[in-house]
Protein backbone atom coordinates (compact mmCIF):
# COMPACT_ATOMS: atom_id res chain seq x y z
CA UNK A 1 0.00 0.00 0.00
CA UNK A 2 1.00 3.55 -0.49
CA UNK A 3 2.40 5.38 2.51
CA UNK A 4 -0.15 8.17 1.89
CA UNK A 5 -2.92 7.41 4.38
CA UNK A 6 -5.14 10.43 3.82
CA UNK A 7 -8.88 9.79 3.69
CA UNK A 8 -9.95 8.83 0.15
CA UNK A 9 -10.89 11.71 -2.15
CA UNK A 10 -14.34 12.00 -3.68
CA UNK A 11 -12.86 10.80 -6.98
CA UNK A 12 -11.39 7.73 -5.24
CA UNK A 13 -14.78 6.89 -3.72
CA UNK A 14 -16.47 7.26 -7.12
CA UNK A 15 -13.87 5.00 -8.75
CA UNK A 16 -14.30 2.44 -5.93
CA UNK A 17 -18.09 2.58 -6.28
CA UNK A 18 -17.87 1.88 -10.02
CA UNK A 19 -15.43 -0.97 -9.36
CA UNK A 20 -17.90 -2.61 -6.96
CA UNK A 21 -20.84 -2.03 -9.33
CA UNK A 22 -18.95 -3.75 -12.15
CA UNK A 23 -19.06 -6.96 -10.11
CA UNK A 24 -22.58 -6.42 -8.78
CA UNK A 25 -21.38 -6.05 -5.18
CA UNK A 26 -23.47 -4.04 -2.75
CA UNK A 27 -21.55 -0.87 -1.79
CA UNK A 28 -21.44 -1.17 2.02
CA UNK A 29 -19.47 1.44 3.97
CA UNK A 30 -16.60 -1.00 4.58
CA UNK A 31 -16.48 -2.18 0.95
CA UNK A 32 -16.51 1.40 -0.32
CA UNK A 33 -13.71 2.37 2.04
CA UNK A 34 -11.53 -0.59 1.03
CA UNK A 35 -12.34 -0.19 -2.68
CA UNK A 36 -11.36 3.49 -2.58
CA UNK A 37 -8.01 2.58 -1.00
CA UNK A 38 -7.42 -0.25 -3.48
CA UNK A 39 -8.44 1.34 -6.80
CA UNK A 40 -9.14 4.97 -5.97
CA UNK A 41 -6.09 6.34 -7.77
CA UNK A 42 -6.34 3.95 -10.72
CA UNK A 43 -3.04 2.20 -9.91
CA UNK A 44 -2.77 -1.57 -9.57
CA UNK A 45 -2.14 -2.81 -6.04
CA UNK A 46 -0.63 -5.87 -4.40
CA UNK A 47 -1.71 -5.88 -0.77
CA UNK A 48 -1.80 -8.16 2.20
CA UNK A 49 -4.84 -8.09 4.43
CA UNK A 50 -2.69 -6.72 7.25
CA UNK A 51 -1.28 -3.95 5.05
CA UNK A 52 -4.75 -2.91 3.89
CA UNK A 53 -6.00 -3.00 7.49
CA UNK A 54 -3.15 -0.69 8.52
CA UNK A 55 -3.99 1.69 5.66
CA UNK A 56 -7.63 1.84 6.77
CA UNK A 57 -6.62 2.67 10.34
CA UNK A 58 -4.28 5.43 9.19
CA UNK A 59 -6.90 6.89 6.86
CA UNK A 60 -9.33 7.21 9.78
CA UNK A 61 -11.69 4.40 8.75
CA UNK A 62 -12.74 1.88 11.39
CA UNK A 63 -12.76 -1.61 9.85
CA UNK A 64 -11.96 -4.83 11.72
CA UNK A 65 -9.14 -7.04 10.42
CA UNK A 66 -11.62 -9.92 9.99
CA UNK A 67 -13.77 -7.63 7.83
CA UNK A 68 -10.73 -6.80 5.67
CA UNK A 69 -10.05 -10.53 5.17
CA UNK A 70 -13.70 -11.27 4.38
CA UNK A 71 -13.98 -8.32 2.01
CA UNK A 72 -10.81 -9.25 0.12
CA UNK A 73 -12.21 -12.79 -0.30
CA UNK A 74 -15.51 -11.33 -1.57
CA UNK A 75 -13.60 -9.14 -4.05
CA UNK A 76 -11.71 -12.23 -5.29
CA UNK A 77 -14.90 -14.30 -5.53
CA UNK A 78 -16.48 -11.48 -7.57
CA UNK A 79 -13.52 -11.41 -9.98
CA UNK A 80 -12.31 -7.95 -8.93
CA UNK A 81 -9.00 -9.23 -7.54
CA UNK A 82 -6.88 -12.32 -7.55
CA UNK A 83 -5.06 -13.96 -4.68
CA UNK A 84 -1.36 -14.68 -5.16
CA UNK A 85 0.22 -17.13 -2.72
CA UNK A 86 3.94 -16.57 -2.26
CA UNK A 87 4.37 -19.32 0.30
CA UNK A 88 2.13 -21.40 2.51
CA UNK A 89 1.62 -18.59 5.01
CA UNK A 90 1.33 -15.37 3.05
CA UNK A 91 -1.23 -14.21 0.50
CA UNK A 92 -1.20 -11.05 -1.55
CA UNK A 93 -4.26 -9.66 -3.24
CA UNK A 94 -3.79 -8.18 -6.70
CA UNK A 95 -6.18 -5.70 -8.30
CA UNK A 96 -4.85 -6.65 -11.74
CA UNK A 97 -6.80 -9.76 -12.74
CA UNK A 98 -5.29 -10.77 -16.07
CA UNK A 99 -2.76 -13.62 -16.17
CA UNK A 100 0.68 -12.16 -15.47
CA UNK A 101 3.86 -13.12 -13.58
CA UNK A 102 5.13 -11.54 -10.38
CA UNK A 103 8.41 -10.70 -8.73
CA UNK A 104 8.52 -11.32 -4.98
CA UNK A 105 11.23 -9.44 -3.08
CA UNK A 106 12.12 -11.81 -0.24
CA UNK A 107 14.03 -9.22 1.80
CA UNK A 108 11.21 -6.64 1.69
CA UNK A 109 8.20 -8.97 1.51
CA UNK A 110 6.87 -7.04 -1.52
CA UNK A 111 5.12 -8.35 -4.61
CA UNK A 112 5.21 -6.53 -7.94
CA UNK A 113 4.21 -7.25 -11.52
CA UNK A 114 6.88 -8.79 -13.75
CA UNK A 115 6.95 -8.13 -17.50
CA UNK A 116 4.64 -10.74 -19.04
CA UNK A 117 6.09 -10.25 -22.52
CA UNK A 118 9.44 -11.58 -21.26
CA UNK A 119 8.00 -14.82 -19.86
CA UNK A 120 7.84 -17.85 -22.09
CA UNK A 121 6.31 -21.14 -21.01
CA UNK A 122 6.52 -23.58 -23.87
CA UNK A 123 4.71 -26.54 -22.33
CA UNK A 124 2.80 -27.53 -19.21
CA UNK A 125 2.48 -31.07 -17.91
CA UNK A 126 -0.81 -32.81 -18.60
CA UNK A 127 -3.15 -32.64 -15.62
CA UNK A 128 -4.13 -35.87 -13.87
CA UNK A 129 -7.15 -37.79 -15.16
CA UNK A 130 -10.39 -35.94 -14.42
CA UNK A 131 -8.70 -32.59 -13.76
CA UNK A 132 -8.16 -29.41 -15.73
CA UNK A 133 -5.66 -26.60 -15.27
CA UNK A 134 -7.47 -23.66 -13.69
CA UNK A 135 -4.59 -21.21 -13.59
CA UNK A 136 -0.80 -21.04 -13.63
CA UNK A 137 0.84 -18.71 -11.14
CA UNK A 138 4.41 -17.59 -11.76
CA UNK A 139 6.17 -15.98 -8.81
CA UNK A 140 9.85 -15.20 -9.33
CA UNK A 141 11.62 -14.77 -6.01
CA UNK A 142 14.27 -12.04 -5.82
CA UNK A 143 16.86 -10.90 -3.30
CA UNK A 144 19.42 -8.11 -3.46
CA UNK A 145 22.97 -9.11 -4.30
CA UNK A 146 25.71 -8.54 -1.82
C-alpha atoms as a PDB file:
ATOM      1  CA  UNK A   1       0.000   0.000   0.000  1.00  0.00           C
ATOM      2  CA  UNK A   2       0.996   3.550  -0.486  1.00  0.00           C
ATOM      3  CA  UNK A   3       2.400   5.384   2.507  1.00  0.00           C
ATOM      4  CA  UNK A   4      -0.146   8.168   1.891  1.00  0.00           C
ATOM      5  CA  UNK A   5      -2.919   7.412   4.377  1.00  0.00           C
ATOM      6  CA  UNK A   6      -5.140  10.431   3.822  1.00  0.00           C
ATOM      7  CA  UNK A   7      -8.876   9.795   3.689  1.00  0.00           C
ATOM      8  CA  UNK A   8      -9.954   8.831   0.153  1.00  0.00           C
ATOM      9  CA  UNK A   9     -10.887  11.707  -2.147  1.00  0.00           C
ATOM     10  CA  UNK A  10     -14.336  11.999  -3.675  1.00  0.00           C
ATOM     11  CA  UNK A  11     -12.862  10.803  -6.978  1.00  0.00           C
ATOM     12  CA  UNK A  12     -11.393   7.725  -5.244  1.00  0.00           C
ATOM     13  CA  UNK A  13     -14.776   6.894  -3.720  1.00  0.00           C
ATOM     14  CA  UNK A  14     -16.472   7.260  -7.122  1.00  0.00           C
ATOM     15  CA  UNK A  15     -13.871   4.999  -8.748  1.00  0.00           C
ATOM     16  CA  UNK A  16     -14.301   2.444  -5.934  1.00  0.00           C
ATOM     17  CA  UNK A  17     -18.093   2.578  -6.282  1.00  0.00           C
ATOM     18  CA  UNK A  18     -17.869   1.885 -10.019  1.00  0.00           C
ATOM     19  CA  UNK A  19     -15.431  -0.972  -9.358  1.00  0.00           C
ATOM     20  CA  UNK A  20     -17.904  -2.608  -6.956  1.00  0.00           C
ATOM     21  CA  UNK A  21     -20.835  -2.031  -9.330  1.00  0.00           C
ATOM     22  CA  UNK A  22     -18.946  -3.745 -12.154  1.00  0.00           C
ATOM     23  CA  UNK A  23     -19.061  -6.956 -10.107  1.00  0.00           C
ATOM     24  CA  UNK A  24     -22.578  -6.416  -8.780  1.00  0.00           C
ATOM     25  CA  UNK A  25     -21.383  -6.048  -5.179  1.00  0.00           C
ATOM     26  CA  UNK A  26     -23.471  -4.039  -2.750  1.00  0.00           C
ATOM     27  CA  UNK A  27     -21.552  -0.869  -1.785  1.00  0.00           C
ATOM     28  CA  UNK A  28     -21.437  -1.166   2.021  1.00  0.00           C
ATOM     29  CA  UNK A  29     -19.475   1.436   3.973  1.00  0.00           C
ATOM     30  CA  UNK A  30     -16.600  -1.002   4.579  1.00  0.00           C
ATOM     31  CA  UNK A  31     -16.485  -2.180   0.953  1.00  0.00           C
ATOM     32  CA  UNK A  32     -16.508   1.400  -0.317  1.00  0.00           C
ATOM     33  CA  UNK A  33     -13.709   2.372   2.038  1.00  0.00           C
ATOM     34  CA  UNK A  34     -11.533  -0.589   1.032  1.00  0.00           C
ATOM     35  CA  UNK A  35     -12.337  -0.189  -2.675  1.00  0.00           C
ATOM     36  CA  UNK A  36     -11.360   3.490  -2.580  1.00  0.00           C
ATOM     37  CA  UNK A  37      -8.009   2.581  -1.005  1.00  0.00           C
ATOM     38  CA  UNK A  38      -7.425  -0.251  -3.482  1.00  0.00           C
ATOM     39  CA  UNK A  39      -8.435   1.343  -6.799  1.00  0.00           C
ATOM     40  CA  UNK A  40      -9.142   4.971  -5.974  1.00  0.00           C
ATOM     41  CA  UNK A  41      -6.095   6.345  -7.768  1.00  0.00           C
ATOM     42  CA  UNK A  42      -6.339   3.945 -10.722  1.00  0.00           C
ATOM     43  CA  UNK A  43      -3.040   2.195  -9.915  1.00  0.00           C
ATOM     44  CA  UNK A  44      -2.770  -1.573  -9.573  1.00  0.00           C
ATOM     45  CA  UNK A  45      -2.145  -2.806  -6.038  1.00  0.00           C
ATOM     46  CA  UNK A  46      -0.625  -5.872  -4.402  1.00  0.00           C
ATOM     47  CA  UNK A  47      -1.714  -5.882  -0.766  1.00  0.00           C
ATOM     48  CA  UNK A  48      -1.798  -8.162   2.199  1.00  0.00           C
ATOM     49  CA  UNK A  49      -4.842  -8.088   4.431  1.00  0.00           C
ATOM     50  CA  UNK A  50      -2.689  -6.720   7.250  1.00  0.00           C
ATOM     51  CA  UNK A  51      -1.280  -3.949   5.049  1.00  0.00           C
ATOM     52  CA  UNK A  52      -4.747  -2.909   3.889  1.00  0.00           C
ATOM     53  CA  UNK A  53      -5.999  -3.001   7.495  1.00  0.00           C
ATOM     54  CA  UNK A  54      -3.147  -0.695   8.516  1.00  0.00           C
ATOM     55  CA  UNK A  55      -3.987   1.692   5.664  1.00  0.00           C
ATOM     56  CA  UNK A  56      -7.634   1.837   6.772  1.00  0.00           C
ATOM     57  CA  UNK A  57      -6.625   2.671  10.336  1.00  0.00           C
ATOM     58  CA  UNK A  58      -4.277   5.430   9.190  1.00  0.00           C
ATOM     59  CA  UNK A  59      -6.900   6.891   6.859  1.00  0.00           C
ATOM     60  CA  UNK A  60      -9.330   7.210   9.778  1.00  0.00           C
ATOM     61  CA  UNK A  61     -11.688   4.397   8.749  1.00  0.00           C
ATOM     62  CA  UNK A  62     -12.740   1.880  11.389  1.00  0.00           C
ATOM     63  CA  UNK A  63     -12.757  -1.610   9.850  1.00  0.00           C
ATOM     64  CA  UNK A  64     -11.958  -4.830  11.721  1.00  0.00           C
ATOM     65  CA  UNK A  65      -9.143  -7.042  10.422  1.00  0.00           C
ATOM     66  CA  UNK A  66     -11.621  -9.916   9.993  1.00  0.00           C
ATOM     67  CA  UNK A  67     -13.767  -7.627   7.828  1.00  0.00           C
ATOM     68  CA  UNK A  68     -10.732  -6.802   5.674  1.00  0.00           C
ATOM     69  CA  UNK A  69     -10.046 -10.526   5.166  1.00  0.00           C
ATOM     70  CA  UNK A  70     -13.704 -11.269   4.376  1.00  0.00           C
ATOM     71  CA  UNK A  71     -13.979  -8.321   2.007  1.00  0.00           C
ATOM     72  CA  UNK A  72     -10.813  -9.250   0.116  1.00  0.00           C
ATOM     73  CA  UNK A  73     -12.213 -12.787  -0.295  1.00  0.00           C
ATOM     74  CA  UNK A  74     -15.505 -11.332  -1.569  1.00  0.00           C
ATOM     75  CA  UNK A  75     -13.602  -9.144  -4.047  1.00  0.00           C
ATOM     76  CA  UNK A  76     -11.708 -12.230  -5.286  1.00  0.00           C
ATOM     77  CA  UNK A  77     -14.903 -14.298  -5.533  1.00  0.00           C
ATOM     78  CA  UNK A  78     -16.482 -11.481  -7.575  1.00  0.00           C
ATOM     79  CA  UNK A  79     -13.522 -11.412  -9.976  1.00  0.00           C
ATOM     80  CA  UNK A  80     -12.306  -7.949  -8.926  1.00  0.00           C
ATOM     81  CA  UNK A  81      -9.001  -9.229  -7.538  1.00  0.00           C
ATOM     82  CA  UNK A  82      -6.879 -12.324  -7.550  1.00  0.00           C
ATOM     83  CA  UNK A  83      -5.056 -13.956  -4.679  1.00  0.00           C
ATOM     84  CA  UNK A  84      -1.365 -14.682  -5.159  1.00  0.00           C
ATOM     85  CA  UNK A  85       0.219 -17.133  -2.718  1.00  0.00           C
ATOM     86  CA  UNK A  86       3.938 -16.566  -2.261  1.00  0.00           C
ATOM     87  CA  UNK A  87       4.372 -19.322   0.301  1.00  0.00           C
ATOM     88  CA  UNK A  88       2.131 -21.398   2.513  1.00  0.00           C
ATOM     89  CA  UNK A  89       1.623 -18.588   5.012  1.00  0.00           C
ATOM     90  CA  UNK A  90       1.327 -15.369   3.046  1.00  0.00           C
ATOM     91  CA  UNK A  91      -1.234 -14.209   0.502  1.00  0.00           C
ATOM     92  CA  UNK A  92      -1.196 -11.052  -1.552  1.00  0.00           C
ATOM     93  CA  UNK A  93      -4.265  -9.662  -3.238  1.00  0.00           C
ATOM     94  CA  UNK A  94      -3.787  -8.176  -6.700  1.00  0.00           C
ATOM     95  CA  UNK A  95      -6.183  -5.695  -8.303  1.00  0.00           C
ATOM     96  CA  UNK A  96      -4.846  -6.653 -11.741  1.00  0.00           C
ATOM     97  CA  UNK A  97      -6.804  -9.760 -12.736  1.00  0.00           C
ATOM     98  CA  UNK A  98      -5.293 -10.771 -16.072  1.00  0.00           C
ATOM     99  CA  UNK A  99      -2.762 -13.616 -16.170  1.00  0.00           C
ATOM    100  CA  UNK A 100       0.682 -12.164 -15.468  1.00  0.00           C
ATOM    101  CA  UNK A 101       3.859 -13.122 -13.582  1.00  0.00           C
ATOM    102  CA  UNK A 102       5.125 -11.535 -10.382  1.00  0.00           C
ATOM    103  CA  UNK A 103       8.408 -10.697  -8.731  1.00  0.00           C
ATOM    104  CA  UNK A 104       8.525 -11.323  -4.979  1.00  0.00           C
ATOM    105  CA  UNK A 105      11.233  -9.440  -3.080  1.00  0.00           C
ATOM    106  CA  UNK A 106      12.117 -11.808  -0.242  1.00  0.00           C
ATOM    107  CA  UNK A 107      14.026  -9.216   1.799  1.00  0.00           C
ATOM    108  CA  UNK A 108      11.206  -6.642   1.686  1.00  0.00           C
ATOM    109  CA  UNK A 109       8.201  -8.970   1.506  1.00  0.00           C
ATOM    110  CA  UNK A 110       6.873  -7.042  -1.519  1.00  0.00           C
ATOM    111  CA  UNK A 111       5.117  -8.350  -4.606  1.00  0.00           C
ATOM    112  CA  UNK A 112       5.211  -6.529  -7.943  1.00  0.00           C
ATOM    113  CA  UNK A 113       4.215  -7.249 -11.516  1.00  0.00           C
ATOM    114  CA  UNK A 114       6.882  -8.788 -13.754  1.00  0.00           C
ATOM    115  CA  UNK A 115       6.953  -8.126 -17.502  1.00  0.00           C
ATOM    116  CA  UNK A 116       4.639 -10.742 -19.043  1.00  0.00           C
ATOM    117  CA  UNK A 117       6.086 -10.247 -22.518  1.00  0.00           C
ATOM    118  CA  UNK A 118       9.439 -11.575 -21.260  1.00  0.00           C
ATOM    119  CA  UNK A 119       8.004 -14.816 -19.856  1.00  0.00           C
ATOM    120  CA  UNK A 120       7.842 -17.845 -22.095  1.00  0.00           C
ATOM    121  CA  UNK A 121       6.305 -21.140 -21.005  1.00  0.00           C
ATOM    122  CA  UNK A 122       6.518 -23.578 -23.865  1.00  0.00           C
ATOM    123  CA  UNK A 123       4.708 -26.541 -22.331  1.00  0.00           C
ATOM    124  CA  UNK A 124       2.797 -27.528 -19.213  1.00  0.00           C
ATOM    125  CA  UNK A 125       2.477 -31.069 -17.913  1.00  0.00           C
ATOM    126  CA  UNK A 126      -0.810 -32.815 -18.597  1.00  0.00           C
ATOM    127  CA  UNK A 127      -3.147 -32.643 -15.618  1.00  0.00           C
ATOM    128  CA  UNK A 128      -4.134 -35.869 -13.866  1.00  0.00           C
ATOM    129  CA  UNK A 129      -7.146 -37.791 -15.159  1.00  0.00           C
ATOM    130  CA  UNK A 130     -10.395 -35.936 -14.421  1.00  0.00           C
ATOM    131  CA  UNK A 131      -8.703 -32.588 -13.757  1.00  0.00           C
ATOM    132  CA  UNK A 132      -8.159 -29.413 -15.735  1.00  0.00           C
ATOM    133  CA  UNK A 133      -5.662 -26.603 -15.267  1.00  0.00           C
ATOM    134  CA  UNK A 134      -7.467 -23.660 -13.689  1.00  0.00           C
ATOM    135  CA  UNK A 135      -4.586 -21.208 -13.593  1.00  0.00           C
ATOM    136  CA  UNK A 136      -0.796 -21.041 -13.630  1.00  0.00           C
ATOM    137  CA  UNK A 137       0.839 -18.710 -11.135  1.00  0.00           C
ATOM    138  CA  UNK A 138       4.413 -17.593 -11.758  1.00  0.00           C
ATOM    139  CA  UNK A 139       6.175 -15.978  -8.812  1.00  0.00           C
ATOM    140  CA  UNK A 140       9.850 -15.197  -9.328  1.00  0.00           C
ATOM    141  CA  UNK A 141      11.624 -14.772  -6.005  1.00  0.00           C
ATOM    142  CA  UNK A 142      14.267 -12.043  -5.816  1.00  0.00           C
ATOM    143  CA  UNK A 143      16.865 -10.901  -3.300  1.00  0.00           C
ATOM    144  CA  UNK A 144      19.418  -8.110  -3.458  1.00  0.00           C
ATOM    145  CA  UNK A 145      22.969  -9.112  -4.298  1.00  0.00           C
ATOM    146  CA  UNK A 146      25.712  -8.545  -1.820  1.00  0.00           C
END
